[in-house]
Amino acid sequence: MSSAPKAGVRRPGQQPDASGNGPPPQQTLTVTDNRTGSTYELAVTDGTVRALDLRQIKTGDGDFGLMSYDPAYMNTASCRSAITYIDGDDGVLQHRGYPIEQLCEHSTYLEVAYLIINGELPSRAQLENWVHEITVHTFVHENVKDFMQGFRYDANPMGMLVASVGALSTFYPDANQIHDEQVRQIQIIRLLAKMPTLAAFAFRHNMGQPYVYPDNELDYAGNFLGMMYKMTELKYRPDPRLARALDVLFILHADHEQNASTSAVRSVGSTQVDPYTAVAAGVAALYGPMHGGANEAALRMLARIGKVENIPAFLEGVKAGEERLMGFGHRVYKNYDPRARIIRKHLDDVFEVRGRSPLLDVAAELEKRALADEYFTSRKLYPNVDFYTGLIYRAMGFPTKMFTVLFAIGRLPGWIAQWHEMINDPQTRIGRPRQLYTGAAERAYVGVDGR
């Protein structure tokens, strides 16, 4: 499978080849404003034009200048980033140049987190020190327990996570010194170390169970499982197949360029707030069902279908607009999501431990029939990462309300790396999009008795 970038997703610095023996084409765009007849030359860099260059296109001295209008940033690059590369047409996902398939096969989540945040894979000594630093910071202040206990017994774990991550800024007030490299590094360690602890505390609170402290003899995923599920046993030892499957799931969610939650982290972070508050914004964005709730929706869809024999009627309902095919299609991927293939490989390991879900047969047959139907393939509706994650999370014993929390733990390195990259980018400015005003023109105020 080729990983050559397509038009519009060109790697930075890559320019199209010149044809023939003549000089390379000029990297500019000539624009003629038919309102005035004026012509402008706009520089083309990395396949883009700068939106501010449009401001020179005016109808007169009193004109503000031309703006671009792009709801949801469908065709607007909001930043330069060296972290994650996606080729949606060919289903390619790379972190710092490394294919996601290789990272999931050979690396651990914390090693991938180091790569994403620091730009290179660590040496053995660097990795050992990195893992040690994160491990010894997994405990949270005892006041955090009191904070958690203030929530209702049935509080959604994601709501608790949003609040508790943001609250960490009050425990580490030096975190607002974001231009001090050493201060930044310790906050990064703390975030990676304490997020699973906060997530597990939220789950235990929701279940009415006592909080379980971290066990620093376990690895990252195993420790999280222990804080979730340890009961009366003296020593919790997770099944290594479950711990590895969870570690891979975390890797698969580690970063995915400028999605809604990452954009939220960058937007809030552009105010130069501390990283805990910026990451809390990412958690809040992920809380939305259109972002972090897709795997839950896919699982509900499979449960509603129920049996393999019900699939043809369901697909006909999708075509008629009466049903929604959840877990298929993606804003970026127009091919099979590479993360979905990787998850599929780990389902058997989890089912070997927990027992096979009858919904797996429904999912496999639904995928088979959809990919054999021109209606769906012509619309680029291929399985995405959310199609199988709900099944594997459910098989591992996680309640549905925890699915998005697991997503947040996995996405944390990406949020941190994007925030860190933004802080060091000299082109960073406080986020402040323009708008097109569509309201009333100026009018005189009328007193209440005259309305």
Protein backbone atom coordinates (compact mmCIF):
# COMPACT_ATOMS: atom_id res chain seq x y z
CA MET A 1 0.00 0.00 0.00
CA SER A 2 1.45 3.33 -1.00
CA SER A 3 1.97 6.06 1.57
CA ALA A 4 2.55 8.76 -1.01
CA PRO A 5 0.73 11.92 0.04
CA LYS A 6 -2.25 13.00 -2.02
CA ALA A 7 -2.97 16.50 -3.21
CA GLY A 8 -4.14 18.59 -0.30
CA VAL A 9 -2.32 16.47 2.29
CA ARG A 10 1.20 17.14 1.05
CA ARG A 11 3.97 16.75 3.57
CA PRO A 12 5.68 20.02 4.58
CA GLY A 13 8.40 20.98 2.15
CA GLN A 14 7.24 18.65 -0.61
CA GLN A 15 6.60 20.38 -3.93
CA PRO A 16 5.12 18.84 -7.08
CA ASP A 17 7.62 17.66 -9.67
CA ALA A 18 8.22 19.91 -12.65
CA SER A 19 7.30 18.34 -16.01
CA GLY A 20 9.59 18.47 -18.98
CA ASN A 21 13.02 20.11 -19.03
CA GLY A 22 11.93 23.67 -18.31
CA PRO A 23 12.15 25.52 -15.01
CA PRO A 24 9.91 24.34 -12.13
CA PRO A 25 6.48 25.97 -11.95
CA GLN A 26 6.18 29.14 -9.94
CA GLN A 27 4.71 28.49 -6.49
CA THR A 28 2.05 31.18 -6.64
CA LEU A 29 -1.67 31.48 -7.25
CA THR A 30 -2.95 34.24 -9.52
CA VAL A 31 -6.33 35.58 -8.43
CA THR A 32 -8.43 38.02 -10.40
CA ASP A 33 -11.14 39.87 -8.48
CA ASN A 34 -13.98 40.24 -10.96
CA ARG A 35 -15.54 42.94 -8.77
CA THR A 36 -12.66 45.32 -9.43
CA GLY A 37 -10.63 43.72 -12.21
CA SER A 38 -7.55 43.71 -9.96
CA THR A 39 -5.13 40.76 -10.06
CA TYR A 40 -3.18 39.42 -7.10
CA GLU A 41 -0.32 36.95 -6.70
CA LEU A 42 -0.66 34.73 -3.62
CA ALA A 43 2.25 32.60 -2.45
CA VAL A 44 1.61 28.84 -2.32
CA THR A 45 3.49 27.09 0.49
CA ASP A 46 3.07 23.38 1.27
CA GLY A 47 -0.06 23.32 -0.85
CA THR A 48 -1.71 26.18 1.03
CA VAL A 49 -2.28 29.91 0.76
CA ARG A 50 -2.23 32.05 3.88
CA ALA A 51 -5.68 33.31 4.77
CA LEU A 52 -4.21 36.68 5.76
CA ASP A 53 -2.93 37.11 2.20
CA LEU A 54 -6.57 37.37 1.14
CA ARG A 55 -6.92 40.57 3.16
CA GLN A 56 -5.14 42.54 0.41
CA ILE A 57 -8.07 41.81 -1.90
CA LYS A 58 -10.33 44.81 -1.38
CA THR A 59 -13.01 46.71 -3.28
CA GLY A 60 -11.89 50.04 -1.84
CA ASP A 61 -10.09 51.83 0.99
CA GLY A 62 -12.95 51.22 3.44
CA ASP A 63 -13.14 47.49 2.70
CA PHE A 64 -11.85 45.21 5.48
CA GLY A 65 -10.52 42.77 2.90
CA LEU A 66 -11.46 39.30 1.75
CA MET A 67 -11.87 36.55 4.33
CA SER A 68 -12.23 32.80 3.93
CA TYR A 69 -15.38 31.12 5.26
CA ASP A 70 -14.89 27.54 6.40
CA PRO A 71 -17.29 26.16 9.04
CA ALA A 72 -15.77 23.23 10.96
CA TYR A 73 -12.38 23.85 9.27
CA MET A 74 -13.21 21.43 6.47
CA ASN A 75 -10.41 22.80 4.27
CA THR A 76 -8.35 25.02 6.57
CA ALA A 77 -5.00 24.15 8.14
CA SER A 78 -4.94 25.82 11.55
CA CYS A 79 -1.32 25.00 12.37
CA ARG A 80 1.89 23.32 11.26
CA SER A 81 2.60 20.06 13.04
CA ALA A 82 5.33 17.42 12.86
CA ILE A 83 3.54 14.88 15.08
CA THR A 84 1.04 12.84 13.07
CA TYR A 85 0.61 12.21 9.36
CA ILE A 86 -2.59 10.78 7.87
CA ASP A 87 -3.28 9.80 4.28
CA GLY A 88 -7.01 9.21 4.39
CA ASP A 89 -7.24 7.90 0.84
CA ASP A 90 -4.80 5.05 1.42
CA GLY A 91 -5.61 4.48 5.10
CA VAL A 92 -2.17 5.51 6.40
CA LEU A 93 -1.50 6.69 9.96
CA GLN A 94 2.02 7.55 11.11
CA HIS A 95 3.39 9.11 14.28
CA ARG A 96 6.68 10.98 13.75
CA GLY A 97 7.07 8.92 10.56
CA TYR A 98 6.50 5.50 12.15
CA PRO A 99 3.50 3.48 10.84
CA ILE A 100 0.88 2.76 13.47
CA GLU A 101 1.07 -0.95 12.61
CA GLN A 102 4.75 -1.11 13.60
CA LEU A 103 4.23 0.86 16.78
CA CYS A 104 1.38 -1.39 17.93
CA GLU A 105 3.39 -4.52 17.15
CA HIS A 106 6.70 -3.54 18.74
CA SER A 107 6.13 -0.70 21.22
CA THR A 108 4.37 -0.03 24.48
CA TYR A 109 2.02 2.86 25.09
CA LEU A 110 4.54 4.76 27.20
CA GLU A 111 7.23 4.31 24.54
CA VAL A 112 4.84 5.69 21.90
CA ALA A 113 3.94 8.54 24.27
CA TYR A 114 7.66 9.41 24.51
CA LEU A 115 7.95 9.33 20.72
CA ILE A 116 4.91 11.53 20.14
CA ILE A 117 5.89 14.10 22.77
CA ASN A 118 9.67 14.19 22.23
CA GLY A 119 9.92 13.46 18.52
CA GLU A 120 12.15 10.37 18.59
CA LEU A 121 11.98 6.86 19.96
CA PRO A 122 13.86 6.65 23.29
CA SER A 123 17.04 4.74 23.95
CA ARG A 124 16.79 1.98 26.53
CA ALA A 125 18.12 4.28 29.26
CA GLN A 126 15.75 7.07 28.25
CA LEU A 127 12.79 4.70 28.20
CA GLU A 128 13.62 3.23 31.60
CA ASN A 129 13.92 6.70 33.11
CA TRP A 130 10.69 7.83 31.41
CA VAL A 131 8.73 4.84 32.70
CA HIS A 132 10.21 5.27 36.18
CA GLU A 133 9.31 8.96 36.36
CA ILE A 134 5.73 8.30 35.30
CA THR A 135 5.40 5.33 37.65
CA VAL A 136 6.48 7.22 40.77
CA HIS A 137 4.02 10.05 40.06
CA THR A 138 0.87 7.92 39.76
CA PHE A 139 -0.44 8.82 43.22
CA VAL A 140 -2.65 11.89 43.60
CA HIS A 141 -3.02 14.24 46.55
CA GLU A 142 -5.40 12.91 49.20
CA ASN A 143 -7.57 16.00 48.73
CA VAL A 144 -8.40 14.71 45.26
CA LYS A 145 -10.31 11.87 46.94
CA ASP A 146 -12.38 14.41 48.86
CA PHE A 147 -12.99 16.28 45.61
CA MET A 148 -14.20 13.08 43.93
CA GLN A 149 -16.50 12.25 46.81
CA GLY A 150 -18.32 15.52 46.26
CA PHE A 151 -19.91 14.15 43.08
CA ARG A 152 -23.27 12.38 43.05
CA TYR A 153 -23.07 8.61 43.25
CA ASP A 154 -24.25 8.31 39.63
CA ALA A 155 -22.07 11.07 38.14
CA ASN A 156 -20.80 10.31 34.65
CA PRO A 157 -17.09 9.33 34.84
CA MET A 158 -16.27 11.70 31.96
CA GLY A 159 -17.78 14.63 33.82
CA MET A 160 -15.69 13.71 36.84
CA LEU A 161 -12.58 13.42 34.67
CA VAL A 162 -13.11 16.86 33.11
CA ALA A 163 -13.37 18.42 36.56
CA SER A 164 -10.55 16.50 38.24
CA VAL A 165 -8.01 17.05 35.45
CA GLY A 166 -8.75 20.78 35.52
CA ALA A 167 -8.50 20.74 39.30
CA LEU A 168 -4.91 19.49 39.14
CA SER A 169 -3.89 23.04 38.20
CA THR A 170 -4.81 24.10 41.74
CA PHE A 171 -2.50 21.46 43.21
CA TYR A 172 0.43 22.52 41.01
CA PRO A 173 0.21 26.33 40.71
CA ASP A 174 3.67 26.52 39.12
CA ALA A 175 2.20 24.80 36.07
CA ASN A 176 1.32 28.19 34.61
CA GLN A 177 5.04 28.81 34.01
CA ILE A 178 4.65 27.31 30.58
CA HIS A 179 7.78 28.88 29.10
CA ASP A 180 10.04 27.15 31.63
CA GLU A 181 11.11 23.88 29.99
CA GLN A 182 11.76 22.08 33.28
CA VAL A 183 8.38 23.10 34.67
CA ARG A 184 6.68 21.90 31.50
CA GLN A 185 8.39 18.53 31.68
CA ILE A 186 7.23 17.75 35.21
CA GLN A 187 3.64 18.67 34.31
CA ILE A 188 3.83 16.31 31.33
CA ILE A 189 5.01 13.50 33.61
CA ARG A 190 2.27 14.26 36.13
CA LEU A 191 -0.46 14.28 33.50
CA LEU A 192 0.56 10.94 32.04
CA ALA A 193 0.96 9.42 35.50
CA LYS A 194 -2.20 10.71 37.17
CA MET A 195 -4.80 10.55 34.41
CA PRO A 196 -5.37 6.75 34.84
CA THR A 197 -5.62 7.24 38.61
CA LEU A 198 -8.27 9.93 38.20
CA ALA A 199 -10.13 7.79 35.67
CA ALA A 200 -10.12 4.74 37.94
CA PHE A 201 -11.24 6.82 40.93
CA ALA A 202 -14.14 8.14 38.84
CA PHE A 203 -15.15 4.57 37.99
CA ARG A 204 -14.91 3.33 41.58
CA HIS A 205 -16.96 6.30 42.80
CA ASN A 206 -19.58 5.54 40.18
CA MET A 207 -19.70 1.92 41.33
CA GLY A 208 -19.89 2.84 45.03
CA GLN A 209 -16.59 1.07 45.72
CA PRO A 210 -13.53 2.24 47.69
CA TYR A 211 -10.74 3.83 45.70
CA VAL A 212 -7.73 1.65 44.93
CA TYR A 213 -4.28 3.20 45.10
CA PRO A 214 -1.78 2.65 42.28
CA ASP A 215 0.44 -0.43 42.36
CA ASN A 216 3.79 0.69 41.02
CA GLU A 217 4.97 -2.88 40.52
CA LEU A 218 2.56 -3.18 37.59
CA ASP A 219 2.99 -1.70 34.14
CA TYR A 220 0.88 1.22 32.92
CA ALA A 221 -2.10 -0.71 31.58
CA GLY A 222 -1.94 -3.38 34.29
CA ASN A 223 -1.89 -0.75 37.01
CA PHE A 224 -4.99 0.87 35.55
CA LEU A 225 -6.79 -2.48 35.46
CA GLY A 226 -5.80 -3.02 39.07
CA MET A 227 -7.18 0.35 40.19
CA MET A 228 -10.37 -0.47 38.33
CA TYR A 229 -11.01 -4.05 39.42
CA LYS A 230 -9.00 -4.95 42.55
CA MET A 231 -11.28 -6.14 45.34
CA THR A 232 -10.22 -8.22 48.34
CA GLU A 233 -7.20 -9.97 46.87
CA LEU A 234 -3.87 -9.04 48.43
CA LYS A 235 -2.22 -8.64 45.03
CA TYR A 236 -4.03 -7.96 41.77
CA ARG A 237 -2.38 -9.56 38.76
CA PRO A 238 -4.06 -8.72 35.45
CA ASP A 239 -4.09 -11.25 32.67
CA PRO A 240 -1.18 -10.21 30.40
CA ARG A 241 -3.38 -10.64 27.31
CA LEU A 242 -5.87 -8.10 28.63
CA ALA A 243 -3.12 -5.70 29.70
CA ARG A 244 -1.47 -5.90 26.30
CA ALA A 245 -4.76 -5.43 24.45
CA LEU A 246 -5.52 -2.34 26.54
CA ASP A 247 -2.00 -1.01 25.94
CA VAL A 248 -2.51 -1.36 22.18
CA LEU A 249 -5.90 0.36 22.41
CA PHE A 250 -4.21 3.27 24.16
CA ILE A 251 -1.61 3.43 21.36
CA LEU A 252 -4.31 3.46 18.69
CA HIS A 253 -5.87 6.56 20.23
CA ALA A 254 -2.61 8.37 21.04
CA ASP A 255 -2.97 11.14 18.45
CA HIS A 256 -5.00 11.81 15.34
CA GLU A 257 -3.94 15.28 14.17
CA GLN A 258 -6.39 18.20 14.41
CA ASN A 259 -9.59 16.53 15.59
CA ALA A 260 -12.14 18.40 17.73
CA SER A 261 -10.55 17.66 21.11
CA THR A 262 -7.00 18.37 19.92
CA SER A 263 -8.17 21.63 18.37
CA ALA A 264 -9.79 22.47 21.72
CA VAL A 265 -6.49 21.86 23.52
CA ARG A 266 -4.65 24.11 21.07
CA SER A 267 -7.32 26.81 21.16
CA VAL A 268 -7.50 26.97 24.95
CA GLY A 269 -3.73 26.50 25.23
CA SER A 270 -3.16 29.49 22.93
CA THR A 271 -4.27 31.70 25.83
CA GLN A 272 -1.09 30.45 27.62
CA VAL A 273 -3.07 28.74 30.33
CA ASP A 274 -1.53 25.82 32.25
CA PRO A 275 -1.50 22.37 30.58
CA TYR A 276 -4.02 20.83 33.01
CA THR A 277 -6.66 23.35 32.01
CA ALA A 278 -5.82 22.96 28.31
CA VAL A 279 -6.08 19.16 28.55
CA ALA A 280 -9.33 19.47 30.51
CA ALA A 281 -10.69 21.32 27.46
CA GLY A 282 -9.72 18.33 25.34
CA VAL A 283 -11.48 15.95 27.72
CA ALA A 284 -14.58 18.18 27.60
CA ALA A 285 -14.59 18.12 23.79
CA LEU A 286 -14.17 14.35 23.79
CA TYR A 287 -17.17 14.08 26.12
CA GLY A 288 -19.45 15.02 23.21
CA PRO A 289 -21.22 12.05 21.58
CA MET A 290 -20.15 13.16 18.09
CA HIS A 291 -16.50 12.72 19.10
CA GLY A 292 -15.86 10.30 21.93
CA GLY A 293 -19.20 8.51 21.98
CA ALA A 294 -19.04 6.84 18.58
CA ASN A 295 -17.93 3.42 19.85
CA GLU A 296 -20.81 3.36 22.31
CA ALA A 297 -23.21 4.16 19.47
CA ALA A 298 -21.72 1.38 17.34
CA LEU A 299 -22.14 -1.11 20.18
CA ARG A 300 -25.77 -0.09 20.66
CA MET A 301 -26.32 -0.55 16.92
CA LEU A 302 -24.91 -4.09 17.00
CA ALA A 303 -27.05 -4.95 20.03
CA ARG A 304 -30.14 -3.59 18.25
CA ILE A 305 -29.42 -5.73 15.17
CA GLY A 306 -29.04 -8.67 17.51
CA LYS A 307 -28.70 -11.50 15.01
CA VAL A 308 -26.91 -12.09 11.72
CA GLU A 309 -30.17 -12.77 9.95
CA ASN A 310 -31.37 -9.26 10.77
CA ILE A 311 -28.47 -7.59 8.92
CA PRO A 312 -30.02 -7.42 5.40
CA ALA A 313 -33.11 -5.61 6.68
CA PHE A 314 -30.92 -3.27 8.70
CA LEU A 315 -28.77 -2.35 5.69
CA GLU A 316 -31.87 -1.72 3.62
CA GLY A 317 -33.03 0.58 6.42
CA VAL A 318 -29.74 2.45 6.20
CA LYS A 319 -30.18 2.94 2.47
CA ALA A 320 -33.72 4.20 3.02
CA GLY A 321 -32.52 6.71 5.62
CA GLU A 322 -34.33 4.92 8.44
CA GLU A 323 -31.20 3.58 10.16
CA ARG A 324 -27.66 4.87 10.75
CA LEU A 325 -24.59 2.74 10.11
CA MET A 326 -22.44 3.57 13.14
CA GLY A 327 -18.71 2.83 13.18
CA PHE A 328 -18.39 3.25 9.41
CA GLY A 329 -16.98 6.26 7.57
CA HIS A 330 -14.66 8.97 8.82
CA ARG A 331 -14.02 12.67 8.23
CA VAL A 332 -10.42 11.90 7.21
CA TYR A 333 -10.26 8.24 6.16
CA LYS A 334 -11.77 7.36 2.80
CA ASN A 335 -10.46 3.83 3.09
CA TYR A 336 -10.33 1.16 5.80
CA ASP A 337 -9.20 2.80 9.05
CA PRO A 338 -5.83 1.14 9.82
CA ARG A 339 -6.65 1.22 13.53
CA ALA A 340 -9.72 -0.97 12.98
CA ARG A 341 -7.57 -3.71 11.41
CA ILE A 342 -5.25 -3.72 14.44
CA ILE A 343 -8.09 -3.92 16.96
CA ARG A 344 -9.57 -6.84 15.04
CA LYS A 345 -6.37 -8.81 15.67
CA HIS A 346 -6.64 -8.40 19.45
CA LEU A 347 -10.28 -9.38 19.76
CA ASP A 348 -9.47 -13.09 19.83
CA ASP A 349 -7.00 -12.64 22.72
CA VAL A 350 -9.58 -10.78 24.79
CA PHE A 351 -12.37 -13.23 23.98
CA GLU A 352 -10.07 -16.11 24.90
CA VAL A 353 -9.90 -14.68 28.41
CA ARG A 354 -13.41 -13.28 28.78
CA GLY A 355 -15.49 -15.44 26.48
CA ARG A 356 -16.64 -14.74 22.96
CA SER A 357 -19.29 -12.08 22.44
CA PRO A 358 -22.17 -13.17 20.20
CA LEU A 359 -22.15 -9.66 18.76
CA LEU A 360 -18.78 -10.38 17.12
CA ASP A 361 -20.53 -12.56 14.54
CA VAL A 362 -22.98 -9.72 13.89
CA ALA A 363 -20.11 -7.22 13.50
CA ALA A 364 -18.10 -9.48 11.19
CA GLU A 365 -21.08 -10.22 8.94
CA LEU A 366 -22.17 -6.59 8.90
CA GLU A 367 -18.68 -5.54 7.82
CA LYS A 368 -18.58 -8.26 5.15
CA ARG A 369 -21.93 -7.32 3.65
CA ALA A 370 -21.31 -3.57 3.76
CA LEU A 371 -17.92 -3.92 2.03
CA ALA A 372 -19.51 -6.04 -0.67
CA ASP A 373 -22.21 -3.47 -1.35
CA GLU A 374 -21.47 -0.73 -3.88
CA TYR A 375 -23.86 1.59 -2.04
CA PHE A 376 -21.49 1.77 0.91
CA THR A 377 -18.11 1.46 -0.81
CA SER A 378 -18.97 4.18 -3.32
CA ARG A 379 -19.64 6.46 -0.35
CA LYS A 380 -16.30 5.50 1.23
CA LEU A 381 -18.07 3.92 4.21
CA TYR A 382 -15.43 1.61 5.64
CA PRO A 383 -15.11 0.45 9.27
CA ASN A 384 -13.36 2.94 11.53
CA VAL A 385 -11.67 2.54 14.91
CA ASP A 386 -14.98 2.83 16.77
CA PHE A 387 -16.60 -0.16 15.10
CA TYR A 388 -14.72 -2.75 17.15
CA THR A 389 -13.56 -0.80 20.24
CA GLY A 390 -16.96 -1.03 21.91
CA LEU A 391 -16.90 -4.82 21.55
CA ILE A 392 -13.42 -5.17 22.99
CA TYR A 393 -14.07 -2.75 25.85
CA ARG A 394 -17.28 -4.57 26.75
CA ALA A 395 -15.49 -7.91 26.63
CA MET A 396 -12.83 -6.56 29.01
CA GLY A 397 -15.55 -5.69 31.51
CA PHE A 398 -15.66 -1.93 31.09
CA PRO A 399 -19.12 -0.38 31.48
CA THR A 400 -20.32 1.74 28.59
CA LYS A 401 -19.86 4.98 30.52
CA MET A 402 -16.11 4.28 30.73
CA PHE A 403 -15.54 3.92 26.99
CA THR A 404 -14.84 7.61 26.42
CA VAL A 405 -12.68 7.76 29.55
CA LEU A 406 -10.45 5.07 28.03
CA PHE A 407 -10.32 7.13 24.83
CA ALA A 408 -9.17 10.13 26.88
CA ILE A 409 -6.34 8.20 28.54
CA GLY A 410 -5.15 7.02 25.16
CA ARG A 411 -5.38 10.45 23.53
CA LEU A 412 -3.45 12.18 26.33
CA PRO A 413 0.04 11.99 24.68
CA GLY A 414 -1.36 13.62 21.55
CA TRP A 415 -2.97 16.45 23.50
CA ILE A 416 0.27 17.01 25.41
CA ALA A 417 2.43 16.87 22.30
CA GLN A 418 0.17 19.25 20.37
CA TRP A 419 0.13 21.68 23.32
CA HIS A 420 3.90 21.46 23.69
CA GLU A 421 4.45 21.96 19.95
CA MET A 422 2.14 24.98 19.97
CA ILE A 423 3.95 26.59 22.92
CA ASN A 424 7.26 26.34 21.04
CA ASP A 425 5.85 27.55 17.71
CA PRO A 426 6.84 31.21 17.10
CA GLN A 427 3.78 31.60 14.84
CA THR A 428 1.36 30.78 17.66
CA ARG A 429 -1.17 33.50 18.40
CA ILE A 430 -4.17 33.43 20.67
CA GLY A 431 -7.02 31.70 18.87
CA ARG A 432 -9.54 34.23 17.59
CA PRO A 433 -11.56 33.18 14.52
CA ARG A 434 -13.39 35.78 12.48
CA GLN A 435 -17.14 35.65 11.91
CA LEU A 436 -19.62 36.75 9.27
CA TYR A 437 -22.18 38.92 11.04
CA THR A 438 -25.72 38.12 9.87
CA GLY A 439 -27.73 40.05 12.47
CA ALA A 440 -29.77 43.24 12.30
CA ALA A 441 -28.35 46.53 11.06
CA GLU A 442 -27.98 49.41 13.50
CA ARG A 443 -31.32 50.48 15.02
CA ALA A 444 -32.50 52.83 17.72
CA TYR A 445 -33.34 51.60 21.19
CA VAL A 446 -37.06 51.58 22.06
CA GLY A 447 -38.22 51.78 25.66
CA VAL A 448 -40.14 48.85 27.10
CA ASP A 449 -43.53 50.65 26.96
CA GLY A 450 -43.09 51.41 23.27
CA ARG A 451 -42.33 47.85 22.10
